[in-house]
Amino acid sequence: MAGPKAAEDGSAAPLLPAQAGERSSGGVGGGATSAQTLGNVVVSIVGTGVLGLPYAFRAAGWVAGSIGVAAAGSATLYCMLLLVSTLALPIPPY
């Protein structure tokens, strides 16, 4: 199976041609709103956690599983607070 064909300027040609109304090259932004993006992130993170919890509780037991969930939640909260605190920091010039 051959790879993507190289264009004359040296860049790789797309695997699928652009359809009417689509952008043919990359760029900033896509077709999703901020709410849709947030929903996608929440569903992907929460979905995998919810699917994995029954096995984790089965393997660890109720007490250790509950302690593990509380520890993971505490670590997540701490990391989130660290990220939020960096919003106030000035961006260094490069």
N, C-alpha and C. Protein backbone atom coordinates (compact mmCIF):
# COMPACT_ATOMS: atom_id res chain seq x y z
N MET A 1 0.84 -1.16 0.00
CA MET A 1 0.00 0.00 0.00
C MET A 1 0.88 1.23 0.00
N ALA A 2 0.70 2.11 -0.93
CA ALA A 2 1.54 3.29 -1.06
C ALA A 2 1.10 4.37 -0.09
N GLY A 3 2.06 5.21 0.33
CA GLY A 3 1.77 6.33 1.23
C GLY A 3 1.20 7.49 0.44
N PRO A 4 0.99 8.63 1.11
CA PRO A 4 0.44 9.79 0.42
C PRO A 4 1.41 10.31 -0.63
N LYS A 5 0.86 10.79 -1.73
CA LYS A 5 1.70 11.31 -2.80
C LYS A 5 2.23 12.67 -2.40
N ALA A 6 3.46 12.95 -2.79
CA ALA A 6 4.06 14.25 -2.50
C ALA A 6 3.64 15.25 -3.56
N ALA A 7 3.26 16.44 -3.12
CA ALA A 7 2.91 17.50 -4.05
C ALA A 7 4.20 18.08 -4.65
N GLU A 8 4.05 18.89 -5.65
CA GLU A 8 5.23 19.44 -6.31
C GLU A 8 6.04 20.34 -5.39
N ASP A 9 5.41 20.98 -4.41
CA ASP A 9 6.15 21.85 -3.50
C ASP A 9 6.79 21.08 -2.34
N GLY A 10 6.68 19.76 -2.32
CA GLY A 10 7.32 18.93 -1.31
C GLY A 10 6.40 18.54 -0.17
N SER A 11 5.21 19.14 -0.08
CA SER A 11 4.29 18.78 1.00
C SER A 11 3.51 17.53 0.60
N ALA A 12 2.97 16.85 1.60
CA ALA A 12 2.19 15.64 1.34
C ALA A 12 0.78 16.01 0.92
N ALA A 13 0.25 15.29 -0.03
CA ALA A 13 -1.12 15.51 -0.48
C ALA A 13 -2.08 14.85 0.52
N PRO A 14 -3.27 15.41 0.72
CA PRO A 14 -4.21 14.79 1.65
C PRO A 14 -4.68 13.43 1.15
N LEU A 15 -5.03 12.55 2.10
CA LEU A 15 -5.50 11.23 1.72
C LEU A 15 -6.88 11.29 1.09
N LEU A 16 -7.73 12.20 1.56
CA LEU A 16 -9.06 12.36 1.01
C LEU A 16 -9.19 13.76 0.45
N PRO A 17 -9.80 13.91 -0.70
CA PRO A 17 -9.98 15.26 -1.23
C PRO A 17 -10.98 16.05 -0.39
N ALA A 18 -10.80 17.37 -0.35
CA ALA A 18 -11.72 18.23 0.40
C ALA A 18 -13.07 18.26 -0.30
N GLN A 19 -14.13 18.22 0.49
CA GLN A 19 -15.47 18.28 -0.07
C GLN A 19 -15.93 19.73 -0.10
N ALA A 20 -16.99 19.98 -0.81
CA ALA A 20 -17.49 21.34 -0.93
C ALA A 20 -17.82 21.89 0.44
N GLY A 21 -17.36 23.10 0.72
CA GLY A 21 -17.62 23.75 1.99
C GLY A 21 -16.58 23.46 3.06
N GLU A 22 -15.63 22.57 2.80
CA GLU A 22 -14.60 22.26 3.78
C GLU A 22 -13.33 22.99 3.43
N ARG A 23 -12.55 23.26 4.47
CA ARG A 23 -11.24 23.84 4.23
C ARG A 23 -10.29 22.75 3.76
N SER A 24 -9.49 23.06 2.79
CA SER A 24 -8.58 22.04 2.26
C SER A 24 -7.27 21.99 3.02
N SER A 25 -6.92 23.05 3.74
CA SER A 25 -5.68 23.04 4.50
C SER A 25 -5.98 23.25 5.97
N GLY A 26 -5.00 22.92 6.81
CA GLY A 26 -5.18 23.09 8.25
C GLY A 26 -5.26 24.56 8.61
N GLY A 27 -5.58 24.81 9.84
CA GLY A 27 -5.67 26.17 10.32
C GLY A 27 -6.22 26.16 11.73
N VAL A 28 -6.40 27.34 12.25
CA VAL A 28 -6.91 27.46 13.60
C VAL A 28 -8.42 27.29 13.59
N GLY A 29 -8.91 26.52 14.51
CA GLY A 29 -10.36 26.34 14.63
C GLY A 29 -10.86 25.21 13.78
N GLY A 30 -12.02 24.78 14.15
CA GLY A 30 -12.65 23.70 13.42
C GLY A 30 -14.12 23.96 13.33
N GLY A 31 -14.89 22.92 13.25
CA GLY A 31 -16.31 23.07 13.10
C GLY A 31 -17.09 22.95 14.40
N ALA A 32 -16.40 22.88 15.54
CA ALA A 32 -17.09 22.70 16.82
C ALA A 32 -17.09 23.99 17.62
N THR A 33 -18.17 24.20 18.35
CA THR A 33 -18.24 25.35 19.25
C THR A 33 -17.50 25.02 20.54
N SER A 34 -17.31 26.01 21.39
CA SER A 34 -16.64 25.78 22.67
C SER A 34 -17.44 24.81 23.54
N ALA A 35 -18.76 24.94 23.52
CA ALA A 35 -19.60 24.03 24.32
C ALA A 35 -19.48 22.59 23.81
N GLN A 36 -19.43 22.41 22.50
CA GLN A 36 -19.29 21.06 21.95
C GLN A 36 -17.92 20.49 22.29
N THR A 37 -16.89 21.31 22.26
CA THR A 37 -15.55 20.84 22.60
C THR A 37 -15.49 20.44 24.06
N LEU A 38 -16.05 21.28 24.94
CA LEU A 38 -16.07 20.95 26.37
C LEU A 38 -16.85 19.66 26.60
N GLY A 39 -17.98 19.51 25.95
CA GLY A 39 -18.76 18.29 26.08
C GLY A 39 -17.99 17.06 25.64
N ASN A 40 -17.25 17.18 24.55
CA ASN A 40 -16.46 16.06 24.05
C ASN A 40 -15.38 15.67 25.04
N VAL A 41 -14.70 16.64 25.62
CA VAL A 41 -13.65 16.35 26.59
C VAL A 41 -14.25 15.70 27.83
N VAL A 42 -15.35 16.25 28.34
CA VAL A 42 -15.98 15.69 29.54
C VAL A 42 -16.44 14.26 29.29
N VAL A 43 -17.08 14.02 28.16
CA VAL A 43 -17.58 12.68 27.86
C VAL A 43 -16.44 11.68 27.72
N SER A 44 -15.35 12.08 27.09
CA SER A 44 -14.25 11.14 26.90
C SER A 44 -13.54 10.84 28.22
N ILE A 45 -13.36 11.84 29.07
CA ILE A 45 -12.68 11.60 30.35
C ILE A 45 -13.60 10.87 31.32
N VAL A 46 -14.81 11.34 31.49
CA VAL A 46 -15.74 10.72 32.43
C VAL A 46 -16.13 9.33 31.95
N GLY A 47 -16.31 9.16 30.65
CA GLY A 47 -16.72 7.87 30.11
C GLY A 47 -15.73 6.77 30.40
N THR A 48 -14.44 7.03 30.20
CA THR A 48 -13.45 6.00 30.46
C THR A 48 -13.34 5.71 31.94
N GLY A 49 -13.47 6.74 32.78
CA GLY A 49 -13.42 6.51 34.22
C GLY A 49 -14.58 5.69 34.71
N VAL A 50 -15.77 5.99 34.22
CA VAL A 50 -16.96 5.26 34.65
C VAL A 50 -16.90 3.81 34.17
N LEU A 51 -16.36 3.59 32.99
CA LEU A 51 -16.25 2.23 32.49
C LEU A 51 -15.21 1.41 33.26
N GLY A 52 -14.19 2.07 33.77
CA GLY A 52 -13.14 1.36 34.49
C GLY A 52 -13.40 1.17 35.97
N LEU A 53 -14.32 1.93 36.55
CA LEU A 53 -14.55 1.84 37.99
C LEU A 53 -15.05 0.48 38.47
N PRO A 54 -15.98 -0.17 37.80
CA PRO A 54 -16.42 -1.48 38.32
C PRO A 54 -15.28 -2.49 38.42
N TYR A 55 -14.41 -2.52 37.43
CA TYR A 55 -13.28 -3.46 37.51
C TYR A 55 -12.33 -3.08 38.64
N ALA A 56 -12.09 -1.77 38.80
CA ALA A 56 -11.18 -1.33 39.86
C ALA A 56 -11.73 -1.70 41.24
N PHE A 57 -13.03 -1.51 41.43
CA PHE A 57 -13.63 -1.88 42.71
C PHE A 57 -13.63 -3.39 42.91
N ARG A 58 -13.82 -4.13 41.84
CA ARG A 58 -13.80 -5.60 41.95
C ARG A 58 -12.41 -6.08 42.34
N ALA A 59 -11.38 -5.47 41.73
CA ALA A 59 -10.02 -5.90 42.00
C ALA A 59 -9.53 -5.43 43.38
N ALA A 60 -9.92 -4.21 43.78
CA ALA A 60 -9.38 -3.64 45.01
C ALA A 60 -10.27 -3.86 46.22
N GLY A 61 -11.56 -3.98 46.01
CA GLY A 61 -12.48 -4.07 47.14
C GLY A 61 -13.09 -2.71 47.42
N TRP A 62 -14.13 -2.72 48.27
CA TRP A 62 -14.86 -1.47 48.52
C TRP A 62 -14.03 -0.45 49.28
N VAL A 63 -13.31 -0.86 50.29
CA VAL A 63 -12.56 0.09 51.12
C VAL A 63 -11.38 0.67 50.33
N ALA A 64 -10.56 -0.19 49.77
CA ALA A 64 -9.40 0.29 49.00
C ALA A 64 -9.85 1.03 47.75
N GLY A 65 -10.94 0.57 47.12
CA GLY A 65 -11.45 1.27 45.94
C GLY A 65 -11.94 2.66 46.28
N SER A 66 -12.64 2.80 47.39
CA SER A 66 -13.11 4.12 47.81
C SER A 66 -11.96 5.04 48.16
N ILE A 67 -10.95 4.51 48.84
CA ILE A 67 -9.76 5.32 49.15
C ILE A 67 -9.04 5.72 47.87
N GLY A 68 -8.95 4.81 46.92
CA GLY A 68 -8.31 5.13 45.65
C GLY A 68 -9.04 6.19 44.87
N VAL A 69 -10.37 6.11 44.85
CA VAL A 69 -11.16 7.13 44.14
C VAL A 69 -10.99 8.49 44.83
N ALA A 70 -11.01 8.50 46.16
CA ALA A 70 -10.82 9.76 46.89
C ALA A 70 -9.42 10.33 46.64
N ALA A 71 -8.40 9.47 46.61
CA ALA A 71 -7.04 9.94 46.36
C ALA A 71 -6.90 10.49 44.94
N ALA A 72 -7.48 9.79 43.97
CA ALA A 72 -7.41 10.28 42.58
C ALA A 72 -8.17 11.59 42.43
N GLY A 73 -9.32 11.70 43.10
CA GLY A 73 -10.07 12.95 43.05
C GLY A 73 -9.31 14.09 43.68
N SER A 74 -8.65 13.82 44.81
CA SER A 74 -7.85 14.86 45.48
C SER A 74 -6.68 15.29 44.61
N ALA A 75 -6.01 14.34 43.98
CA ALA A 75 -4.89 14.68 43.10
C ALA A 75 -5.37 15.48 41.89
N THR A 76 -6.52 15.12 41.34
CA THR A 76 -7.07 15.85 40.21
C THR A 76 -7.43 17.27 40.60
N LEU A 77 -8.05 17.44 41.78
CA LEU A 77 -8.40 18.77 42.26
C LEU A 77 -7.14 19.62 42.46
N TYR A 78 -6.11 19.05 43.07
CA TYR A 78 -4.87 19.78 43.30
C TYR A 78 -4.23 20.21 41.97
N CYS A 79 -4.17 19.31 41.01
CA CYS A 79 -3.59 19.65 39.70
C CYS A 79 -4.42 20.71 38.99
N MET A 80 -5.75 20.64 39.10
CA MET A 80 -6.59 21.65 38.49
C MET A 80 -6.33 23.01 39.12
N LEU A 81 -6.21 23.05 40.45
CA LEU A 81 -5.93 24.32 41.12
C LEU A 81 -4.57 24.88 40.73
N LEU A 82 -3.58 24.01 40.53
CA LEU A 82 -2.28 24.47 40.05
C LEU A 82 -2.39 25.08 38.66
N LEU A 83 -3.14 24.44 37.78
CA LEU A 83 -3.31 24.98 36.43
C LEU A 83 -4.05 26.31 36.45
N VAL A 84 -5.08 26.42 37.28
CA VAL A 84 -5.83 27.66 37.36
C VAL A 84 -4.95 28.77 37.92
N SER A 85 -4.08 28.46 38.87
CA SER A 85 -3.22 29.49 39.44
C SER A 85 -2.21 30.03 38.44
N THR A 86 -1.90 29.27 37.40
CA THR A 86 -0.95 29.76 36.40
C THR A 86 -1.58 30.75 35.44
N LEU A 87 -2.92 30.89 35.45
CA LEU A 87 -3.56 31.86 34.58
C LEU A 87 -3.15 33.28 34.92
N ALA A 88 -2.87 33.55 36.19
CA ALA A 88 -2.52 34.90 36.62
C ALA A 88 -1.06 35.24 36.35
N LEU A 89 -0.24 34.26 36.04
CA LEU A 89 1.18 34.50 35.80
C LEU A 89 1.39 35.17 34.44
N PRO A 90 2.35 36.09 34.36
CA PRO A 90 2.64 36.69 33.05
C PRO A 90 3.31 35.70 32.12
N ILE A 91 3.06 35.84 30.85
CA ILE A 91 3.66 34.96 29.84
C ILE A 91 5.07 35.50 29.53
N PRO A 92 6.11 34.68 29.70
CA PRO A 92 7.47 35.19 29.43
C PRO A 92 7.68 35.37 27.92
N PRO A 93 8.37 36.43 27.53
CA PRO A 93 8.65 36.64 26.10
C PRO A 93 9.74 35.67 25.62
N TYR A 94 9.58 35.17 24.42
CA TYR A 94 10.59 34.27 23.84
C TYR A 94 11.14 34.85 22.60
